[in-house]
Amino acid sequence: MTVAEQKVTWARVAQVQSLSEAHDLLPRLMPRNGADPAELRKFHEKSAAVYQRVAELDRGHHHEALYWADREARLAREVDGA
């Protein structure tokens, strides 16, 4: 079974080792359009944590992963208009 065929879960995303894996899997967990703001905020908060962890694991993409972690954290804050 290929990665594309596997059901993506937060447990699976917690195992990513690279920025490319995070980029591949996280969009599959993105809440649908019109989702509850709390659900959207939670998605962005969890995504930020994934990218933060990836920044330490995928050292060749450290700064890029930090950018994505910051972006996701900012998007989480903006859900409520903060």
Protein backbone atom coordinates (compact mmCIF):
# COMPACT_ATOMS: atom_id res chain seq x y z
CA MET A 1 0.00 0.00 0.00
CA THR A 2 1.44 3.37 -0.98
CA VAL A 3 1.36 6.47 1.21
CA ALA A 4 -1.29 7.94 -1.10
CA GLU A 5 -3.53 4.92 -0.45
CA GLN A 6 -3.17 4.97 3.34
CA LYS A 7 -5.79 6.69 5.47
CA VAL A 8 -4.17 9.77 6.94
CA THR A 9 -4.65 10.28 10.68
CA TRP A 10 -3.04 12.55 13.24
CA ALA A 11 -1.31 9.45 14.62
CA ARG A 12 0.27 8.87 11.20
CA VAL A 13 1.26 12.55 10.91
CA ALA A 14 2.92 12.34 14.33
CA GLN A 15 5.38 9.87 12.79
CA VAL A 16 6.61 12.08 9.93
CA GLN A 17 10.34 12.52 9.69
CA SER A 18 10.65 15.10 6.92
CA LEU A 19 9.21 18.33 5.66
CA SER A 20 8.07 16.68 2.45
CA GLU A 21 6.10 14.08 4.44
CA ALA A 22 4.44 16.83 6.47
CA HIS A 23 3.56 18.73 3.29
CA ASP A 24 2.13 15.55 1.78
CA LEU A 25 -0.01 14.47 4.75
CA LEU A 26 -1.21 17.63 6.49
CA PRO A 27 -3.36 18.95 3.63
CA ARG A 28 -5.30 15.67 3.72
CA LEU A 29 -6.40 16.50 7.27
CA MET A 30 -7.44 20.07 6.50
CA PRO A 31 -11.05 20.67 7.60
CA ARG A 32 -13.56 21.18 4.82
CA ASN A 33 -14.68 24.64 3.73
CA GLY A 34 -17.17 26.06 6.19
CA ALA A 35 -15.80 23.97 9.07
CA ASP A 36 -16.33 25.12 12.63
CA PRO A 37 -13.71 27.74 13.60
CA ALA A 38 -12.64 25.65 16.61
CA GLU A 39 -11.93 22.70 14.30
CA LEU A 40 -9.94 24.91 11.95
CA ARG A 41 -7.96 26.44 14.82
CA LYS A 42 -7.17 22.98 16.20
CA PHE A 43 -5.94 21.87 12.77
CA HIS A 44 -3.56 24.82 12.50
CA GLU A 45 -2.31 24.39 16.08
CA LYS A 46 -1.57 20.71 15.50
CA SER A 47 0.05 21.48 12.14
CA ALA A 48 2.29 24.07 13.80
CA ALA A 49 3.42 21.46 16.32
CA VAL A 50 4.16 18.96 13.54
CA TYR A 51 6.28 21.49 11.63
CA GLN A 52 8.07 22.51 14.83
CA ARG A 53 9.02 18.88 15.46
CA VAL A 54 10.02 18.37 11.83
CA ALA A 55 12.35 21.37 12.12
CA GLU A 56 14.41 19.36 14.62
CA LEU A 57 14.29 16.09 12.67
CA ASP A 58 14.81 17.26 9.08
CA ARG A 59 17.82 19.48 9.70
CA GLY A 60 18.32 20.15 5.99
CA HIS A 61 14.96 21.92 6.01
CA HIS A 62 15.18 23.37 9.53
CA HIS A 63 14.49 27.00 8.64
CA GLU A 64 11.77 26.19 6.14
CA ALA A 65 9.99 23.97 8.68
CA LEU A 66 10.23 26.78 11.24
CA TYR A 67 8.61 29.11 8.71
CA TRP A 68 5.73 26.66 8.27
CA ALA A 69 5.39 26.22 12.04
CA ASP A 70 5.14 30.00 12.47
CA ARG A 71 2.68 30.29 9.57
CA GLU A 72 0.40 27.62 11.00
CA ALA A 73 0.53 29.18 14.48
CA ARG A 74 -0.37 32.56 12.96
CA LEU A 75 -3.27 31.03 11.03
CA ALA A 76 -4.53 29.42 14.25
CA ARG A 77 -4.53 32.82 15.97
CA GLU A 78 -6.25 34.48 13.00
CA VAL A 79 -9.20 32.08 13.08
CA ASP A 80 -10.64 34.20 15.88
CA GLY A 81 -9.56 37.44 14.27
CA ALA A 82 -6.68 37.97 16.72
